[in-house]
PDB file of N, CA and C in Angstrom:
ATOM      1  N   MET A   1       0.801  -1.188   0.014  1.00  0.00           N
ATOM      2  CA  MET A   1       0.033  -0.057  -0.027  1.00  0.00           C
ATOM      3  C   MET A   1       0.886   1.261  -0.028  1.00  0.00           C
ATOM      4  N   THR A   2       0.269   2.322  -0.469  1.00  0.00           N
ATOM      5  CA  THR A   2       0.918   3.590  -0.501  1.00  0.00           C
ATOM      6  C   THR A   2       1.086   4.047   0.985  1.00  0.00           C
ATOM      7  N   ARG A   3       2.306   4.378   1.353  1.00  0.00           N
ATOM      8  CA  ARG A   3       2.557   4.876   2.658  1.00  0.00           C
ATOM      9  C   ARG A   3       1.906   6.294   2.928  1.00  0.00           C
ATOM     10  N   LEU A   4       1.222   6.461   3.967  1.00  0.00           N
ATOM     11  CA  LEU A   4       0.561   7.710   4.308  1.00  0.00           C
ATOM     12  C   LEU A   4      -0.534   8.077   3.276  1.00  0.00           C
ATOM     13  N   SER A   5      -1.248   7.128   2.866  1.00  0.00           N
ATOM     14  CA  SER A   5      -2.253   7.353   1.758  1.00  0.00           C
ATOM     15  C   SER A   5      -3.362   8.294   2.168  1.00  0.00           C
ATOM     16  N   LEU A   6      -3.745   8.343   3.405  1.00  0.00           N
ATOM     17  CA  LEU A   6      -4.743   9.286   3.819  1.00  0.00           C
ATOM     18  C   LEU A   6      -4.249  10.724   3.694  1.00  0.00           C
ATOM     19  N   ARG A   7      -3.091  10.932   4.144  1.00  0.00           N
ATOM     20  CA  ARG A   7      -2.494  12.329   4.029  1.00  0.00           C
ATOM     21  C   ARG A   7      -2.349  12.674   2.574  1.00  0.00           C
ATOM     22  N   LEU A   8      -1.994  11.734   1.714  1.00  0.00           N
ATOM     23  CA  LEU A   8      -1.892  11.948   0.234  1.00  0.00           C
ATOM     24  C   LEU A   8      -3.265  12.415  -0.326  1.00  0.00           C
ATOM     25  N   ALA A   9      -4.274  11.634   0.025  1.00  0.00           N
ATOM     26  CA  ALA A   9      -5.613  11.928  -0.413  1.00  0.00           C
ATOM     27  C   ALA A   9      -6.065  13.310   0.075  1.00  0.00           C
ATOM     28  N   GLN A  10      -5.804  13.651   1.271  1.00  0.00           N
ATOM     29  CA  GLN A  10      -6.209  14.936   1.833  1.00  0.00           C
ATOM     30  C   GLN A  10      -5.469  16.073   1.060  1.00  0.00           C
ATOM     31  N   ALA A  11      -4.234  15.821   0.626  1.00  0.00           N
ATOM     32  CA  ALA A  11      -3.520  16.893  -0.086  1.00  0.00           C
ATOM     33  C   ALA A  11      -3.916  16.971  -1.552  1.00  0.00           C
ATOM     34  N   GLY A  12      -4.769  16.111  -2.039  1.00  0.00           N
ATOM     35  CA  GLY A  12      -5.275  16.265  -3.400  1.00  0.00           C
ATOM     36  C   GLY A  12      -4.796  15.070  -4.343  1.00  0.00           C
ATOM     37  N   GLY A  13      -4.237  14.099  -3.713  1.00  0.00           N
ATOM     38  CA  GLY A  13      -3.786  12.878  -4.494  1.00  0.00           C
ATOM     39  C   GLY A  13      -2.458  13.128  -5.237  1.00  0.00           C
ATOM     40  N   TRP A  14      -2.221  12.373  -6.206  1.00  0.00           N
ATOM     41  CA  TRP A  14      -0.974  12.358  -6.959  1.00  0.00           C
ATOM     42  C   TRP A  14      -0.918  13.575  -7.945  1.00  0.00           C
ATOM     43  N   ARG A  15      -2.117  14.220  -8.220  1.00  0.00           N
ATOM     44  CA  ARG A  15      -2.153  15.378  -9.080  1.00  0.00           C
ATOM     45  C   ARG A  15      -1.496  15.002 -10.415  1.00  0.00           C
ATOM     46  N   ASP A  16      -0.547  15.774 -10.821  1.00  0.00           N
ATOM     47  CA  ASP A  16       0.103  15.588 -12.114  1.00  0.00           C
ATOM     48  C   ASP A  16       1.496  15.025 -11.960  1.00  0.00           C
ATOM     49  N   THR A  17       1.763  14.274 -10.861  1.00  0.00           N
ATOM     50  CA  THR A  17       3.082  13.651 -10.610  1.00  0.00           C
ATOM     51  C   THR A  17       3.362  12.669 -11.786  1.00  0.00           C
ATOM     52  N   ARG A  18       4.560  12.725 -12.294  1.00  0.00           N
ATOM     53  CA  ARG A  18       4.895  11.789 -13.426  1.00  0.00           C
ATOM     54  C   ARG A  18       6.203  11.028 -13.068  1.00  0.00           C
ATOM     55  N   LEU A  19       6.238   9.841 -13.673  1.00  0.00           N
ATOM     56  CA  LEU A  19       7.441   9.001 -13.483  1.00  0.00           C
ATOM     57  C   LEU A  19       8.080   8.805 -14.859  1.00  0.00           C
ATOM     58  N   ALA A  20       9.374   9.168 -14.932  1.00  0.00           N
ATOM     59  CA  ALA A  20      10.120   8.981 -16.206  1.00  0.00           C
ATOM     60  C   ALA A  20      10.651   7.591 -16.202  1.00  0.00           C
ATOM     61  N   LEU A  21      10.226   6.863 -17.227  1.00  0.00           N
ATOM     62  CA  LEU A  21      10.656   5.391 -17.357  1.00  0.00           C
ATOM     63  C   LEU A  21      11.948   5.339 -18.196  1.00  0.00           C
ATOM     64  N   PRO A  22      12.707   4.336 -17.892  1.00  0.00           N
ATOM     65  CA  PRO A  22      13.911   4.081 -18.816  1.00  0.00           C
ATOM     66  C   PRO A  22      13.407   3.808 -20.182  1.00  0.00           C
ATOM     67  N   GLU A  23      14.241   3.895 -21.157  1.00  0.00           N
ATOM     68  CA  GLU A  23      13.983   3.622 -22.599  1.00  0.00           C
ATOM     69  C   GLU A  23      13.340   2.299 -22.707  1.00  0.00           C
ATOM     70  N   GLY A  24      12.397   2.181 -23.664  1.00  0.00           N
ATOM     71  CA  GLY A  24      11.736   0.927 -23.958  1.00  0.00           C
ATOM     72  C   GLY A  24      10.232   0.925 -23.606  1.00  0.00           C
ATOM     73  N   ARG A  25       9.567  -0.262 -23.860  1.00  0.00           N
ATOM     74  CA  ARG A  25       8.170  -0.377 -23.542  1.00  0.00           C
ATOM     75  C   ARG A  25       8.098  -1.111 -22.189  1.00  0.00           C
ATOM     76  N   TRP A  26       7.153  -0.784 -21.289  1.00  0.00           N
ATOM     77  CA  TRP A  26       7.058  -1.307 -19.978  1.00  0.00           C
ATOM     78  C   TRP A  26       5.595  -1.812 -19.786  1.00  0.00           C
ATOM     79  N   ALA A  27       5.445  -3.098 -19.341  1.00  0.00           N
ATOM     80  CA  ALA A  27       4.085  -3.611 -19.164  1.00  0.00           C
ATOM     81  C   ALA A  27       3.843  -3.752 -17.665  1.00  0.00           C
ATOM     82  N   ASP A  28       2.581  -3.447 -17.165  1.00  0.00           N
ATOM     83  CA  ASP A  28       2.209  -3.637 -15.903  1.00  0.00           C
ATOM     84  C   ASP A  28       1.827  -5.152 -15.657  1.00  0.00           C
ATOM     85  N   VAL A  29       2.654  -5.806 -14.943  1.00  0.00           N
ATOM     86  CA  VAL A  29       2.484  -7.270 -14.726  1.00  0.00           C
ATOM     87  C   VAL A  29       1.281  -7.600 -13.930  1.00  0.00           C
ATOM     88  N   LEU A  30       0.932  -6.674 -12.979  1.00  0.00           N
ATOM     89  CA  LEU A  30      -0.153  -6.911 -12.037  1.00  0.00           C
ATOM     90  C   LEU A  30      -1.482  -6.377 -12.547  1.00  0.00           C
ATOM     91  N   GLY A  31      -1.391  -5.416 -13.376  1.00  0.00           N
ATOM     92  CA  GLY A  31      -2.602  -4.692 -13.802  1.00  0.00           C
ATOM     93  C   GLY A  31      -3.142  -5.013 -15.178  1.00  0.00           C
ATOM     94  N   GLY A  32      -2.896  -6.154 -15.731  1.00  0.00           N
ATOM     95  CA  GLY A  32      -3.440  -6.574 -16.970  1.00  0.00           C
ATOM     96  C   GLY A  32      -2.457  -6.234 -18.158  1.00  0.00           C
ATOM     97  N   GLU A  33      -2.998  -5.767 -19.246  1.00  0.00           N
ATOM     98  CA  GLU A  33      -2.304  -5.513 -20.468  1.00  0.00           C
ATOM     99  C   GLU A  33      -1.892  -4.039 -20.682  1.00  0.00           C
ATOM    100  N   ARG A  34      -1.741  -3.307 -19.697  1.00  0.00           N
ATOM    101  CA  ARG A  34      -1.326  -1.894 -19.869  1.00  0.00           C
ATOM    102  C   ARG A  34       0.141  -1.862 -20.138  1.00  0.00           C
ATOM    103  N   GLU A  35       0.513  -1.004 -21.159  1.00  0.00           N
ATOM    104  CA  GLU A  35       1.880  -0.713 -21.425  1.00  0.00           C
ATOM    105  C   GLU A  35       2.184   0.752 -21.461  1.00  0.00           C
ATOM    106  N   TYR A  36       3.425   1.085 -21.103  1.00  0.00           N
ATOM    107  CA  TYR A  36       3.824   2.483 -20.991  1.00  0.00           C
ATOM    108  C   TYR A  36       5.130   2.732 -21.664  1.00  0.00           C
ATOM    109  N   THR A  37       5.362   3.904 -22.112  1.00  0.00           N
ATOM    110  CA  THR A  37       6.702   4.304 -22.647  1.00  0.00           C
ATOM    111  C   THR A  37       6.916   5.700 -22.190  1.00  0.00           C
ATOM    112  N   GLY A  38       8.225   6.079 -22.117  1.00  0.00           N
ATOM    113  CA  GLY A  38       8.555   7.529 -21.816  1.00  0.00           C
ATOM    114  C   GLY A  38       8.211   7.933 -20.375  1.00  0.00           C
ATOM    115  N   GLU A  39       7.160   8.702 -20.272  1.00  0.00           N
ATOM    116  CA  GLU A  39       6.740   9.273 -18.984  1.00  0.00           C
ATOM    117  C   GLU A  39       5.233   8.840 -18.708  1.00  0.00           C
ATOM    118  N   VAL A  40       5.003   8.545 -17.524  1.00  0.00           N
ATOM    119  CA  VAL A  40       3.652   8.057 -17.176  1.00  0.00           C
ATOM    120  C   VAL A  40       3.160   8.816 -15.937  1.00  0.00           C
ATOM    121  N   ARG A  41       1.884   9.146 -15.907  1.00  0.00           N
ATOM    122  CA  ARG A  41       1.277   9.752 -14.662  1.00  0.00           C
ATOM    123  C   ARG A  41       1.249   8.701 -13.590  1.00  0.00           C
ATOM    124  N   VAL A  42       1.672   9.055 -12.397  1.00  0.00           N
ATOM    125  CA  VAL A  42       1.642   8.088 -11.302  1.00  0.00           C
ATOM    126  C   VAL A  42       0.254   7.707 -10.963  1.00  0.00           C
ATOM    127  N   GLU A  43      -0.719   8.642 -11.087  1.00  0.00           N
ATOM    128  CA  GLU A  43      -2.161   8.358 -10.782  1.00  0.00           C
ATOM    129  C   GLU A  43      -2.638   7.212 -11.737  1.00  0.00           C
ATOM    130  N   GLU A  44      -2.144   7.192 -12.935  1.00  0.00           N
ATOM    131  CA  GLU A  44      -2.543   6.157 -13.859  1.00  0.00           C
ATOM    132  C   GLU A  44      -1.966   4.797 -13.526  1.00  0.00           C
ATOM    133  N   LEU A  45      -0.678   4.832 -12.989  1.00  0.00           N
ATOM    134  CA  LEU A  45      -0.019   3.558 -12.516  1.00  0.00           C
ATOM    135  C   LEU A  45      -0.740   2.917 -11.330  1.00  0.00           C
ATOM    136  N   PHE A  46      -1.257   3.800 -10.414  1.00  0.00           N
ATOM    137  CA  PHE A  46      -1.940   3.257  -9.229  1.00  0.00           C
ATOM    138  C   PHE A  46      -3.499   3.352  -9.347  1.00  0.00           C
ATOM    139  N   GLY A  47      -3.978   3.451 -10.569  1.00  0.00           N
ATOM    140  CA  GLY A  47      -5.367   3.553 -10.779  1.00  0.00           C
ATOM    141  C   GLY A  47      -6.259   2.460 -10.258  1.00  0.00           C
ATOM    142  N   THR A  48      -5.797   1.240 -10.383  1.00  0.00           N
ATOM    143  CA  THR A  48      -6.603   0.055  -9.971  1.00  0.00           C
ATOM    144  C   THR A  48      -6.041  -0.615  -8.736  1.00  0.00           C
ATOM    145  N   LEU A  49      -4.752  -0.528  -8.542  1.00  0.00           N
ATOM    146  CA  LEU A  49      -4.061  -1.191  -7.346  1.00  0.00           C
ATOM    147  C   LEU A  49      -3.174  -0.228  -6.645  1.00  0.00           C
ATOM    148  N   PRO A  50      -2.916  -0.405  -5.411  1.00  0.00           N
ATOM    149  CA  PRO A  50      -2.016   0.537  -4.699  1.00  0.00           C
ATOM    150  C   PRO A  50      -0.569   0.260  -5.016  1.00  0.00           C
ATOM    151  N   VAL A  51      -0.253  -0.664  -5.835  1.00  0.00           N
ATOM    152  CA  VAL A  51       1.114  -1.063  -6.240  1.00  0.00           C
ATOM    153  C   VAL A  51       1.168  -1.392  -7.773  1.00  0.00           C
ATOM    154  N   THR A  52       2.356  -1.304  -8.357  1.00  0.00           N
ATOM    155  CA  THR A  52       2.434  -1.699  -9.685  1.00  0.00           C
ATOM    156  C   THR A  52       3.776  -2.405  -9.891  1.00  0.00           C
ATOM    157  N   LEU A  53       3.888  -3.309 -10.870  1.00  0.00           N
ATOM    158  CA  LEU A  53       5.156  -3.950 -11.120  1.00  0.00           C
ATOM    159  C   LEU A  53       5.311  -3.880 -12.661  1.00  0.00           C
ATOM    160  N   LEU A  54       6.313  -3.089 -13.030  1.00  0.00           N
ATOM    161  CA  LEU A  54       6.582  -2.891 -14.435  1.00  0.00           C
ATOM    162  C   LEU A  54       7.744  -3.785 -14.934  1.00  0.00           C
ATOM    163  N   GLU A  55       7.498  -4.350 -16.126  1.00  0.00           N
ATOM    164  CA  GLU A  55       8.493  -5.285 -16.737  1.00  0.00           C
ATOM    165  C   GLU A  55       8.763  -4.796 -18.151  1.00  0.00           C
ATOM    166  N   ARG A  56       9.998  -4.672 -18.489  1.00  0.00           N
ATOM    167  CA  ARG A  56      10.359  -4.306 -19.871  1.00  0.00           C
ATOM    168  C   ARG A  56       9.915  -5.384 -20.867  1.00  0.00           C
ATOM    169  N   VAL A  57       9.347  -4.993 -21.865  1.00  0.00           N
ATOM    170  CA  VAL A  57       8.791  -5.940 -22.955  1.00  0.00           C
ATOM    171  C   VAL A  57       9.348  -5.567 -24.299  1.00  0.00           C
ATOM    172  N   GLY A  58       9.514  -6.581 -25.194  1.00  0.00           N
ATOM    173  CA  GLY A  58       9.854  -6.307 -26.593  1.00  0.00           C
ATOM    174  C   GLY A  58      11.206  -5.626 -26.746  1.00  0.00           C
ATOM    175  N   THR A  59      12.283  -6.358 -26.307  1.00  0.00           N
ATOM    176  CA  THR A  59      13.619  -5.635 -26.440  1.00  0.00           C
ATOM    177  C   THR A  59      14.031  -5.252 -27.757  1.00  0.00           C
TER     178      THR A  59
END
């Protein structure tokens, strides 16, 4: 779980916080068939689960 999630929610959530990913395509192993490249909004990563596990795909 996200540490201090209540405080985060009270502050307005992740807002427009973004995560810069290393080069390549990244798949969310836990969240189905979602794939990401470049930069992704943290709110999108944690949209369905409080954690995410990204794995590089298609080398």
